[in-house]
Amino acid sequence: MPEPRIPLDQWRALVAVVEKGGYAKAAAALHKSQSSVTYRVQQLESQLGVKAFKIAGRRAELTPTGELLYRRARYLLDEAAALEQSAQRLSAGWEAEVRLAVEVIFPTWLLLACLDRLGKESPHTRIELIEAVLGHRTDALAQGQADLAIFGSVPPGFLGEPLMRLRFVLAAHPEHPLHQLARKLSLRDLRPYRHLVVRESSPERASAPSMETTQRWTFSHLATSIEAARSGYGFAWLPEEKIRQELAAGMLKPLPMREGGERFAELYLIFADREHAGPATLRLAEIIREAVASECKRSASQPKTPARKSIN
């Protein structure tokens, strides 16, 4: 393998000039003199025999070659930083903290059991939990805020493995007027009544309501929507695993829809950076896989009830 001729500080200077929009701002960001940054970029060009920038008026713009160099340099610097972080984690043993982003529809009791198991194996590892609504806090991965995620969709640039399937039911309090109709319901029957909706975590990606009704309450938290439904204030699409106690106690009851009374959501386990994940992150992922597989197997072996069949 040939020895690289360009040190990282020269690549870092090139990237800074591009991302900061000029030599002066790059120098300020790197805490270097402008002449030092200019020299590093010129050295890089000289050693490679290329021109990364061209002068357009008073601005330096990337050449096509410069565009390629910038993209590869950005990747090189990211990999170097990730390698250093990985080495630091390994030298210190298990990570001091694991950041986990999770869909609020993932069963809370199962999540807490997984965290408790990791806590017993690595009591000094802290957990930061980022709760997301409907899979749209995927920016937590892209922005480096999470080491591991459980989302309903895999964001661009990442790979995810299928983890579990959740069942949603359209439910309301047993004494809600819709239940009093004592017949199969259609979408037309729902329209006069209040629809309880949970807002997605990222407003810029919020989707349109799943149905049009004359009344709607929108919440930021799933727990509030569940409380409103069981208090008789409206009907809502709710993940069955989140309301199994309410279903068993008769505080909520699925609406008898003629069709479309259930929906399903897939959840995926996603690493921010699988190759550089620390031992605690890897172990937590393994614990989650094992817990989900065990619960699904146990559920499949039991008689089907509304409270249990959602994770099959």
C-alpha atoms as a PDB file:
ATOM      1  CA  MET A   1       0.000   0.000   0.000  1.00  0.00           C
ATOM      2  CA  PRO A   2       1.561   3.334  -1.038  1.00  0.00           C
ATOM      3  CA  GLU A   3       2.188   5.958   1.631  1.00  0.00           C
ATOM      4  CA  PRO A   4      -0.232   8.927   1.352  1.00  0.00           C
ATOM      5  CA  ARG A   5       1.590  12.121   0.402  1.00  0.00           C
ATOM      6  CA  ILE A   6      -1.067  14.579   1.582  1.00  0.00           C
ATOM      7  CA  PRO A   7      -1.392  15.085   5.361  1.00  0.00           C
ATOM      8  CA  LEU A   8      -4.836  15.478   6.885  1.00  0.00           C
ATOM      9  CA  ASP A   9      -4.286  19.141   7.733  1.00  0.00           C
ATOM     10  CA  GLN A  10      -4.037  19.975   4.024  1.00  0.00           C
ATOM     11  CA  TRP A  11      -7.276  18.136   3.272  1.00  0.00           C
ATOM     12  CA  ARG A  12      -8.847  19.897   6.256  1.00  0.00           C
ATOM     13  CA  ALA A  13      -7.789  23.261   4.852  1.00  0.00           C
ATOM     14  CA  LEU A  14      -9.326  22.461   1.461  1.00  0.00           C
ATOM     15  CA  VAL A  15     -12.614  21.389   3.036  1.00  0.00           C
ATOM     16  CA  ALA A  16     -12.722  24.462   5.274  1.00  0.00           C
ATOM     17  CA  VAL A  17     -12.206  26.843   2.339  1.00  0.00           C
ATOM     18  CA  VAL A  18     -15.086  25.202   0.466  1.00  0.00           C
ATOM     19  CA  GLU A  19     -17.489  24.988   3.392  1.00  0.00           C
ATOM     20  CA  LYS A  20     -16.735  28.394   4.887  1.00  0.00           C
ATOM     21  CA  GLY A  21     -16.785  30.173   1.543  1.00  0.00           C
ATOM     22  CA  GLY A  22     -13.266  31.566   1.435  1.00  0.00           C
ATOM     23  CA  TYR A  23      -9.753  31.575   2.846  1.00  0.00           C
ATOM     24  CA  ALA A  24     -10.352  34.211   5.516  1.00  0.00           C
ATOM     25  CA  LYS A  25     -13.356  32.433   7.045  1.00  0.00           C
ATOM     26  CA  ALA A  26     -11.610  29.080   6.763  1.00  0.00           C
ATOM     27  CA  ALA A  27      -8.608  30.478   8.613  1.00  0.00           C
ATOM     28  CA  ALA A  28     -10.860  31.758  11.408  1.00  0.00           C
ATOM     29  CA  ALA A  29     -12.619  28.408  11.704  1.00  0.00           C
ATOM     30  CA  LEU A  30      -9.317  26.507  11.830  1.00  0.00           C
ATOM     31  CA  HIS A  31      -7.670  29.064  14.138  1.00  0.00           C
ATOM     32  CA  LYS A  32      -4.890  29.532  11.599  1.00  0.00           C
ATOM     33  CA  SER A  33      -3.565  32.509   9.700  1.00  0.00           C
ATOM     34  CA  GLN A  34      -4.966  33.082   6.226  1.00  0.00           C
ATOM     35  CA  SER A  35      -1.527  32.680   4.703  1.00  0.00           C
ATOM     36  CA  SER A  36      -1.147  29.322   6.459  1.00  0.00           C
ATOM     37  CA  VAL A  37      -4.425  28.024   5.021  1.00  0.00           C
ATOM     38  CA  THR A  38      -3.547  29.325   1.556  1.00  0.00           C
ATOM     39  CA  TYR A  39      -0.143  27.637   1.733  1.00  0.00           C
ATOM     40  CA  ARG A  40      -1.709  24.272   2.704  1.00  0.00           C
ATOM     41  CA  VAL A  41      -4.123  24.343  -0.216  1.00  0.00           C
ATOM     42  CA  GLN A  42      -1.343  25.390  -2.634  1.00  0.00           C
ATOM     43  CA  GLN A  43       0.872  22.585  -1.341  1.00  0.00           C
ATOM     44  CA  LEU A  44      -1.938  20.095  -1.906  1.00  0.00           C
ATOM     45  CA  GLU A  45      -2.413  21.298  -5.474  1.00  0.00           C
ATOM     46  CA  SER A  46       1.312  21.227  -6.153  1.00  0.00           C
ATOM     47  CA  GLN A  47       1.843  17.713  -4.789  1.00  0.00           C
ATOM     48  CA  LEU A  48      -1.089  16.316  -6.773  1.00  0.00           C
ATOM     49  CA  GLY A  49      -0.431  18.362  -9.903  1.00  0.00           C
ATOM     50  CA  VAL A  50      -4.016  19.674 -10.088  1.00  0.00           C
ATOM     51  CA  LYS A  51      -5.932  22.923  -9.623  1.00  0.00           C
ATOM     52  CA  ALA A  52      -8.684  22.713  -7.030  1.00  0.00           C
ATOM     53  CA  PHE A  53      -9.845  26.315  -7.420  1.00  0.00           C
ATOM     54  CA  LYS A  54     -10.267  28.831 -10.201  1.00  0.00           C
ATOM     55  CA  ILE A  55     -10.650  32.582  -9.773  1.00  0.00           C
ATOM     56  CA  ALA A  56     -14.034  33.974 -10.854  1.00  0.00           C
ATOM     57  CA  GLY A  57     -14.043  37.722 -10.245  1.00  0.00           C
ATOM     58  CA  ARG A  58     -13.042  38.123  -6.624  1.00  0.00           C
ATOM     59  CA  ARG A  59     -14.114  34.634  -5.608  1.00  0.00           C
ATOM     60  CA  ALA A  60     -12.339  31.304  -5.718  1.00  0.00           C
ATOM     61  CA  GLU A  61     -14.565  28.581  -7.166  1.00  0.00           C
ATOM     62  CA  LEU A  62     -14.039  24.834  -7.293  1.00  0.00           C
ATOM     63  CA  THR A  63     -12.919  23.292 -10.550  1.00  0.00           C
ATOM     64  CA  PRO A  64     -14.472  19.935 -11.548  1.00  0.00           C
ATOM     65  CA  THR A  65     -11.342  18.303 -10.133  1.00  0.00           C
ATOM     66  CA  GLY A  66     -11.761  20.362  -6.980  1.00  0.00           C
ATOM     67  CA  GLU A  67     -15.337  19.111  -6.614  1.00  0.00           C
ATOM     68  CA  LEU A  68     -14.097  15.519  -6.646  1.00  0.00           C
ATOM     69  CA  LEU A  69     -11.280  16.291  -4.213  1.00  0.00           C
ATOM     70  CA  TYR A  70     -13.683  18.038  -1.843  1.00  0.00           C
ATOM     71  CA  ARG A  71     -16.138  15.134  -1.749  1.00  0.00           C
ATOM     72  CA  ARG A  72     -13.417  12.572  -1.124  1.00  0.00           C
ATOM     73  CA  ALA A  73     -11.673  14.801   1.423  1.00  0.00           C
ATOM     74  CA  ARG A  74     -14.928  15.273   3.337  1.00  0.00           C
ATOM     75  CA  TYR A  75     -15.349  11.505   3.492  1.00  0.00           C
ATOM     76  CA  LEU A  76     -11.699  11.028   4.512  1.00  0.00           C
ATOM     77  CA  LEU A  77     -11.968  13.516   7.391  1.00  0.00           C
ATOM     78  CA  ASP A  78     -15.250  12.011   8.605  1.00  0.00           C
ATOM     79  CA  GLU A  79     -13.707   8.545   8.588  1.00  0.00           C
ATOM     80  CA  ALA A  80     -10.622   9.752  10.447  1.00  0.00           C
ATOM     81  CA  ALA A  81     -12.770  11.414  13.119  1.00  0.00           C
ATOM     82  CA  ALA A  82     -14.947   8.303  13.467  1.00  0.00           C
ATOM     83  CA  LEU A  83     -11.856   6.109  13.780  1.00  0.00           C
ATOM     84  CA  GLU A  84     -10.479   8.292  16.579  1.00  0.00           C
ATOM     85  CA  GLN A  85     -13.807   8.195  18.436  1.00  0.00           C
ATOM     86  CA  SER A  86     -13.953   4.434  18.064  1.00  0.00           C
ATOM     87  CA  ALA A  87     -10.399   4.064  19.398  1.00  0.00           C
ATOM     88  CA  GLN A  88     -11.203   6.294  22.377  1.00  0.00           C
ATOM     89  CA  ARG A  89     -14.278   4.225  23.197  1.00  0.00           C
ATOM     90  CA  LEU A  90     -12.386   0.957  22.956  1.00  0.00           C
ATOM     91  CA  SER A  91      -9.480   2.234  25.051  1.00  0.00           C
ATOM     92  CA  ALA A  92     -11.900   3.331  27.776  1.00  0.00           C
ATOM     93  CA  GLY A  93     -13.929   0.111  27.684  1.00  0.00           C
ATOM     94  CA  TRP A  94     -17.662   0.473  27.169  1.00  0.00           C
ATOM     95  CA  GLU A  95     -18.966   3.887  26.199  1.00  0.00           C
ATOM     96  CA  ALA A  96     -19.848   6.356  28.926  1.00  0.00           C
ATOM     97  CA  GLU A  97     -23.097   7.082  27.066  1.00  0.00           C
ATOM     98  CA  VAL A  98     -25.272   5.529  24.364  1.00  0.00           C
ATOM     99  CA  ARG A  99     -27.751   7.759  22.525  1.00  0.00           C
ATOM    100  CA  LEU A 100     -30.854   5.907  21.379  1.00  0.00           C
ATOM    101  CA  ALA A 101     -33.590   7.412  19.176  1.00  0.00           C
ATOM    102  CA  VAL A 102     -36.858   5.472  19.350  1.00  0.00           C
ATOM    103  CA  GLU A 103     -40.309   5.656  17.806  1.00  0.00           C
ATOM    104  CA  VAL A 104     -42.915   6.356  20.485  1.00  0.00           C
ATOM    105  CA  ILE A 105     -44.916   3.445  19.081  1.00  0.00           C
ATOM    106  CA  PHE A 106     -42.224   0.963  20.153  1.00  0.00           C
ATOM    107  CA  PRO A 107     -43.548  -0.852  23.265  1.00  0.00           C
ATOM    108  CA  THR A 108     -42.340   1.109  26.286  1.00  0.00           C
ATOM    109  CA  TRP A 109     -42.290  -1.891  28.608  1.00  0.00           C
ATOM    110  CA  LEU A 110     -40.069  -3.780  26.171  1.00  0.00           C
ATOM    111  CA  LEU A 111     -37.736  -0.807  25.703  1.00  0.00           C
ATOM    112  CA  LEU A 112     -37.318  -0.311  29.451  1.00  0.00           C
ATOM    113  CA  ALA A 113     -36.578  -4.008  29.922  1.00  0.00           C
ATOM    114  CA  CYS A 114     -33.818  -3.744  27.289  1.00  0.00           C
ATOM    115  CA  LEU A 115     -32.319  -0.654  28.915  1.00  0.00           C
ATOM    116  CA  ASP A 116     -32.426  -2.340  32.316  1.00  0.00           C
ATOM    117  CA  ARG A 117     -30.607  -5.370  30.953  1.00  0.00           C
ATOM    118  CA  LEU A 118     -27.856  -3.185  29.501  1.00  0.00           C
ATOM    119  CA  GLY A 119     -27.691  -1.295  32.804  1.00  0.00           C
ATOM    120  CA  LYS A 120     -27.025  -4.521  34.683  1.00  0.00           C
ATOM    121  CA  GLU A 121     -24.253  -5.500  32.271  1.00  0.00           C
ATOM    122  CA  SER A 122     -22.719  -2.034  32.066  1.00  0.00           C
ATOM    123  CA  PRO A 123     -23.934   0.009  35.056  1.00  0.00           C
ATOM    124  CA  HIS A 124     -21.695   2.993  34.247  1.00  0.00           C
ATOM    125  CA  THR A 125     -23.054   3.483  30.728  1.00  0.00           C
ATOM    126  CA  ARG A 126     -25.623   6.284  30.631  1.00  0.00           C
ATOM    127  CA  ILE A 127     -28.541   6.218  28.191  1.00  0.00           C
ATOM    128  CA  GLU A 128     -29.896   9.272  26.405  1.00  0.00           C
ATOM    129  CA  LEU A 129     -33.301   8.484  24.917  1.00  0.00           C
ATOM    130  CA  ILE A 130     -34.619  10.571  22.005  1.00  0.00           C
ATOM    131  CA  GLU A 131     -38.312   9.856  21.465  1.00  0.00           C
ATOM    132  CA  ALA A 132     -39.660  10.351  17.949  1.00  0.00           C
ATOM    133  CA  VAL A 133     -43.170  10.479  16.513  1.00  0.00           C
ATOM    134  CA  LEU A 134     -43.950   8.484  13.358  1.00  0.00           C
ATOM    135  CA  GLY A 135     -40.319   8.020  12.371  1.00  0.00           C
ATOM    136  CA  HIS A 136     -39.687  11.614  11.410  1.00  0.00           C
ATOM    137  CA  ARG A 137     -36.878  12.440  13.800  1.00  0.00           C
ATOM    138  CA  THR A 138     -34.515  10.732  11.392  1.00  0.00           C
ATOM    139  CA  ASP A 139     -32.396  13.898  11.537  1.00  0.00           C
ATOM    140  CA  ALA A 140     -31.125  12.553  14.868  1.00  0.00           C
ATOM    141  CA  LEU A 141     -29.077  10.067  12.856  1.00  0.00           C
ATOM    142  CA  ALA A 142     -28.010  12.455  10.106  1.00  0.00           C
ATOM    143  CA  GLN A 143     -26.927  15.100  12.605  1.00  0.00           C
ATOM    144  CA  GLY A 144     -24.963  12.665  14.738  1.00  0.00           C
ATOM    145  CA  GLN A 145     -27.310  12.977  17.723  1.00  0.00           C
ATOM    146  CA  ALA A 146     -27.968   9.231  18.021  1.00  0.00           C
ATOM    147  CA  ASP A 147     -25.791   6.119  17.965  1.00  0.00           C
ATOM    148  CA  LEU A 148     -28.699   3.736  17.399  1.00  0.00           C
ATOM    149  CA  ALA A 149     -32.306   4.197  16.305  1.00  0.00           C
ATOM    150  CA  ILE A 150     -35.598   2.345  16.035  1.00  0.00           C
ATOM    151  CA  PHE A 151     -37.578   4.066  13.279  1.00  0.00           C
ATOM    152  CA  GLY A 152     -40.477   3.295  11.002  1.00  0.00           C
ATOM    153  CA  SER A 153     -38.414   4.245   7.953  1.00  0.00           C
ATOM    154  CA  VAL A 154     -34.735   4.125   7.057  1.00  0.00           C
ATOM    155  CA  PRO A 155     -33.394   7.603   6.200  1.00  0.00           C
ATOM    156  CA  PRO A 156     -31.266   8.116   3.065  1.00  0.00           C
ATOM    157  CA  GLY A 157     -27.625   7.233   3.614  1.00  0.00           C
ATOM    158  CA  PHE A 158     -28.298   4.574   6.272  1.00  0.00           C
ATOM    159  CA  LEU A 159     -29.039   0.860   6.361  1.00  0.00           C
ATOM    160  CA  GLY A 160     -31.634  -0.677   8.645  1.00  0.00           C
ATOM    161  CA  GLU A 161     -32.670  -4.208   9.570  1.00  0.00           C
ATOM    162  CA  PRO A 162     -36.349  -5.156  10.022  1.00  0.00           C
ATOM    163  CA  LEU A 163     -37.087  -5.401  13.728  1.00  0.00           C
ATOM    164  CA  MET A 164     -40.819  -5.825  14.307  1.00  0.00           C
ATOM    165  CA  ARG A 165     -44.304  -5.196  12.942  1.00  0.00           C
ATOM    166  CA  LEU A 166     -46.851  -3.266  15.021  1.00  0.00           C
ATOM    167  CA  ARG A 167     -50.623  -3.271  14.640  1.00  0.00           C
ATOM    168  CA  PHE A 168     -52.659  -0.071  14.954  1.00  0.00           C
ATOM    169  CA  VAL A 169     -56.374  -0.089  15.715  1.00  0.00           C
ATOM    170  CA  LEU A 170     -58.962   2.644  15.395  1.00  0.00           C
ATOM    171  CA  ALA A 171     -60.222   2.863  18.977  1.00  0.00           C
ATOM    172  CA  ALA A 172     -62.499   4.881  21.250  1.00  0.00           C
ATOM    173  CA  HIS A 173     -64.040   4.633  24.712  1.00  0.00           C
ATOM    174  CA  PRO A 174     -66.735   1.908  24.863  1.00  0.00           C
ATOM    175  CA  GLU A 175     -69.395   4.558  25.559  1.00  0.00           C
ATOM    176  CA  HIS A 176     -68.386   6.750  22.607  1.00  0.00           C
ATOM    177  CA  PRO A 177     -71.390   7.501  20.320  1.00  0.00           C
ATOM    178  CA  LEU A 178     -69.752   5.517  17.501  1.00  0.00           C
ATOM    179  CA  HIS A 179     -69.906   2.342  19.577  1.00  0.00           C
ATOM    180  CA  GLN A 180     -73.552   3.042  20.384  1.00  0.00           C
ATOM    181  CA  LEU A 181     -74.465   2.694  16.707  1.00  0.00           C
ATOM    182  CA  ALA A 182     -74.077  -1.063  17.264  1.00  0.00           C
ATOM    183  CA  ARG A 183     -73.203  -1.844  13.645  1.00  0.00           C
ATOM    184  CA  LYS A 184     -70.296  -1.894  11.238  1.00  0.00           C
ATOM    185  CA  LEU A 185     -68.959   1.607  10.628  1.00  0.00           C
ATOM    186  CA  SER A 186     -67.880   3.417   7.468  1.00  0.00           C
ATOM    187  CA  LEU A 187     -65.679   6.464   6.939  1.00  0.00           C
ATOM    188  CA  ARG A 188     -68.848   8.546   6.607  1.00  0.00           C
ATOM    189  CA  ASP A 189     -69.858   7.539  10.147  1.00  0.00           C
ATOM    190  CA  LEU A 190     -66.568   8.869  11.547  1.00  0.00           C
ATOM    191  CA  ARG A 191     -66.673  12.324   9.982  1.00  0.00           C
ATOM    192  CA  PRO A 192     -68.989  14.050  12.492  1.00  0.00           C
ATOM    193  CA  TYR A 193     -66.806  13.054  15.447  1.00  0.00           C
ATOM    194  CA  ARG A 194     -63.497  14.242  16.876  1.00  0.00           C
ATOM    195  CA  HIS A 195     -60.329  12.678  15.506  1.00  0.00           C
ATOM    196  CA  LEU A 196     -57.351  12.597  17.916  1.00  0.00           C
ATOM    197  CA  VAL A 197     -54.039  12.998  16.071  1.00  0.00           C
ATOM    198  CA  VAL A 198     -50.382  12.941  17.137  1.00  0.00           C
ATOM    199  CA  ARG A 199     -48.153  15.490  15.421  1.00  0.00           C
ATOM    200  CA  GLU A 200     -44.967  14.220  13.773  1.00  0.00           C
ATOM    201  CA  SER A 201     -41.686  15.262  15.370  1.00  0.00           C
ATOM    202  CA  SER A 202     -40.348  17.209  12.366  1.00  0.00           C
ATOM    203  CA  PRO A 203     -42.890  19.822  11.210  1.00  0.00           C
ATOM    204  CA  GLU A 204     -41.241  20.156   7.801  1.00  0.00           C
ATOM    205  CA  ARG A 205     -42.066  16.504   7.104  1.00  0.00           C
ATOM    206  CA  ALA A 206     -45.508  16.386   8.680  1.00  0.00           C
ATOM    207  CA  SER A 207     -47.971  14.444   6.563  1.00  0.00           C
ATOM    208  CA  ALA A 208     -51.606  15.260   5.920  1.00  0.00           C
ATOM    209  CA  PRO A 209     -54.217  13.839   8.346  1.00  0.00           C
ATOM    210  CA  SER A 210     -55.222  10.262   7.546  1.00  0.00           C
ATOM    211  CA  MET A 211     -58.905  11.244   7.314  1.00  0.00           C
ATOM    212  CA  GLU A 212     -61.041  14.353   7.101  1.00  0.00           C
ATOM    213  CA  THR A 213     -63.353  14.987  10.054  1.00  0.00           C
ATOM    214  CA  THR A 214     -65.270  17.997  11.283  1.00  0.00           C
ATOM    215  CA  GLN A 215     -63.327  18.057  14.563  1.00  0.00           C
ATOM    216  CA  ARG A 216     -59.687  17.345  15.319  1.00  0.00           C
ATOM    217  CA  TRP A 217     -57.381  17.624  18.321  1.00  0.00           C
ATOM    218  CA  THR A 218     -53.653  17.401  17.574  1.00  0.00           C
ATOM    219  CA  PHE A 219     -51.171  16.435  20.289  1.00  0.00           C
ATOM    220  CA  SER A 220     -47.386  16.327  20.556  1.00  0.00           C
ATOM    221  CA  HIS A 221     -47.344  13.161  22.667  1.00  0.00           C
ATOM    222  CA  LEU A 222     -48.913   9.767  22.080  1.00  0.00           C
ATOM    223  CA  ALA A 223     -49.685   9.416  25.806  1.00  0.00           C
ATOM    224  CA  THR A 224     -51.943  12.484  25.629  1.00  0.00           C
ATOM    225  CA  SER A 225     -53.829  11.041  22.672  1.00  0.00           C
ATOM    226  CA  ILE A 226     -54.359   7.762  24.541  1.00  0.00           C
ATOM    227  CA  GLU A 227     -55.589   9.603  27.632  1.00  0.00           C
ATOM    228  CA  ALA A 228     -57.989  11.710  25.548  1.00  0.00           C
ATOM    229  CA  ALA A 229     -59.382   8.608  23.815  1.00  0.00           C
ATOM    230  CA  ARG A 230     -59.939   6.642  26.993  1.00  0.00           C
ATOM    231  CA  SER A 231     -61.591   9.690  28.546  1.00  0.00           C
ATOM    232  CA  GLY A 232     -64.141   9.687  25.740  1.00  0.00           C
ATOM    233  CA  TYR A 233     -63.033  12.835  23.900  1.00  0.00           C
ATOM    234  CA  GLY A 234     -62.648  11.219  20.482  1.00  0.00           C
ATOM    235  CA  PHE A 235     -61.308   8.311  18.455  1.00  0.00           C
ATOM    236  CA  ALA A 236     -57.721   7.673  17.348  1.00  0.00           C
ATOM    237  CA  TRP A 237     -55.366   5.345  15.527  1.00  0.00           C
ATOM    238  CA  LEU A 238     -53.388   3.779  18.377  1.00  0.00           C
ATOM    239  CA  PRO A 239     -50.627   1.144  18.467  1.00  0.00           C
ATOM    240  CA  GLU A 240     -52.155  -1.920  20.085  1.00  0.00           C
ATOM    241  CA  GLU A 241     -49.114  -2.637  22.237  1.00  0.00           C
ATOM    242  CA  LYS A 242     -49.403   0.844  23.773  1.00  0.00           C
ATOM    243  CA  ILE A 243     -53.032   0.365  24.835  1.00  0.00           C
ATOM    244  CA  ARG A 244     -53.131  -3.299  25.793  1.00  0.00           C
ATOM    245  CA  GLN A 245     -53.930  -2.467  29.447  1.00  0.00           C
ATOM    246  CA  GLU A 246     -56.730  -0.101  28.393  1.00  0.00           C
ATOM    247  CA  LEU A 247     -58.142  -2.765  26.057  1.00  0.00           C
ATOM    248  CA  ALA A 248     -57.995  -5.443  28.746  1.00  0.00           C
ATOM    249  CA  ALA A 249     -59.629  -3.121  31.314  1.00  0.00           C
ATOM    250  CA  GLY A 250     -62.389  -2.072  28.912  1.00  0.00           C
ATOM    251  CA  MET A 251     -61.356   1.590  28.872  1.00  0.00           C
ATOM    252  CA  LEU A 252     -60.797   1.478  25.105  1.00  0.00           C
ATOM    253  CA  LYS A 253     -62.439  -0.625  22.434  1.00  0.00           C
ATOM    254  CA  PRO A 254     -61.640  -0.998  18.716  1.00  0.00           C
ATOM    255  CA  LEU A 255     -64.252   0.567  16.482  1.00  0.00           C
ATOM    256  CA  PRO A 256     -66.164  -2.056  14.438  1.00  0.00           C
ATOM    257  CA  MET A 257     -65.146  -0.783  11.023  1.00  0.00           C
ATOM    258  CA  ARG A 258     -66.662  -2.320   7.920  1.00  0.00           C
ATOM    259  CA  GLU A 259     -63.174  -2.153   6.416  1.00  0.00           C
ATOM    260  CA  GLY A 260     -59.827  -0.520   7.204  1.00  0.00           C
ATOM    261  CA  GLY A 261     -60.099  -0.824  10.975  1.00  0.00           C
ATOM    262  CA  GLU A 262     -56.467  -1.830  11.391  1.00  0.00           C
ATOM    263  CA  ARG A 263     -53.113  -0.718  10.057  1.00  0.00           C
ATOM    264  CA  PHE A 264     -49.574  -2.006  10.399  1.00  0.00           C
ATOM    265  CA  ALA A 265     -46.214  -0.290  10.808  1.00  0.00           C
ATOM    266  CA  GLU A 266     -42.759  -1.779  10.353  1.00  0.00           C
ATOM    267  CA  LEU A 267     -39.938  -0.774  12.669  1.00  0.00           C
ATOM    268  CA  TYR A 268     -36.253  -0.942  11.751  1.00  0.00           C
ATOM    269  CA  LEU A 269     -33.089  -1.068  13.837  1.00  0.00           C
ATOM    270  CA  ILE A 270     -30.581   1.430  12.426  1.00  0.00           C
ATOM    271  CA  PHE A 271     -26.973   2.173  13.368  1.00  0.00           C
ATOM    272  CA  ALA A 272     -25.586   5.666  12.887  1.00  0.00           C
ATOM    273  CA  ASP A 273     -22.230   4.058  12.057  1.00  0.00           C
ATOM    274  CA  ARG A 274     -22.124   0.281  12.430  1.00  0.00           C
ATOM    275  CA  GLU A 275     -18.399  -0.062  11.708  1.00  0.00           C
ATOM    276  CA  HIS A 276     -17.386   2.394  14.426  1.00  0.00           C
ATOM    277  CA  ALA A 277     -20.068   1.573  16.998  1.00  0.00           C
ATOM    278  CA  GLY A 278     -18.788   1.027  20.520  1.00  0.00           C
ATOM    279  CA  PRO A 279     -19.303  -2.177  22.513  1.00  0.00           C
ATOM    280  CA  ALA A 280     -22.222  -0.790  24.559  1.00  0.00           C
ATOM    281  CA  THR A 281     -24.055   0.324  21.405  1.00  0.00           C
ATOM    282  CA  LEU A 282     -23.485  -3.076  19.797  1.00  0.00           C
ATOM    283  CA  ARG A 283     -24.628  -4.874  22.938  1.00  0.00           C
ATOM    284  CA  LEU A 284     -27.783  -2.747  23.251  1.00  0.00           C
ATOM    285  CA  ALA A 285     -28.682  -3.563  19.642  1.00  0.00           C
ATOM    286  CA  GLU A 286     -28.193  -7.261  20.388  1.00  0.00           C
ATOM    287  CA  ILE A 287     -30.355  -7.029  23.514  1.00  0.00           C
ATOM    288  CA  ILE A 288     -33.141  -5.303  21.563  1.00  0.00           C
ATOM    289  CA  ARG A 289     -33.056  -7.975  18.832  1.00  0.00           C
ATOM    290  CA  GLU A 290     -33.175 -10.772  21.395  1.00  0.00           C
ATOM    291  CA  ALA A 291     -35.993  -9.182  23.407  1.00  0.00           C
ATOM    292  CA  VAL A 292     -38.155  -8.537  20.347  1.00  0.00           C
ATOM    293  CA  ALA A 293     -37.587 -12.043  18.964  1.00  0.00           C
ATOM    294  CA  SER A 294     -38.402 -13.613  22.338  1.00  0.00           C
ATOM    295  CA  GLU A 295     -41.581 -11.591  22.773  1.00  0.00           C
ATOM    296  CA  CYS A 296     -42.768 -12.314  19.237  1.00  0.00           C
ATOM    297  CA  LYS A 297     -42.140 -16.035  19.753  1.00  0.00           C
ATOM    298  CA  ARG A 298     -44.002 -16.024  23.067  1.00  0.00           C
ATOM    299  CA  SER A 299     -46.890 -14.067  21.568  1.00  0.00           C
ATOM    300  CA  ALA A 300     -47.149 -16.494  18.652  1.00  0.00           C
ATOM    301  CA  SER A 301     -47.423 -19.443  21.038  1.00  0.00           C
ATOM    302  CA  GLN A 302     -50.291 -17.913  23.039  1.00  0.00           C
ATOM    303  CA  PRO A 303     -53.994 -17.633  22.123  1.00  0.00           C
ATOM    304  CA  LYS A 304     -54.583 -14.504  20.074  1.00  0.00           C
ATOM    305  CA  THR A 305     -55.995 -11.615  22.067  1.00  0.00           C
ATOM    306  CA  PRO A 306     -56.270  -7.940  21.128  1.00  0.00           C
ATOM    307  CA  ALA A 307     -53.578  -7.081  23.633  1.00  0.00           C
ATOM    308  CA  ARG A 308     -50.935  -9.437  22.246  1.00  0.00           C
ATOM    309  CA  LYS A 309     -51.267 -10.030  18.512  1.00  0.00           C
ATOM    310  CA  SER A 310     -49.800  -6.706  17.437  1.00  0.00           C
ATOM    311  CA  ILE A 311     -46.159  -7.734  17.571  1.00  0.00           C
ATOM    312  CA  ASN A 312     -46.470 -10.878  15.470  1.00  0.00           C
END
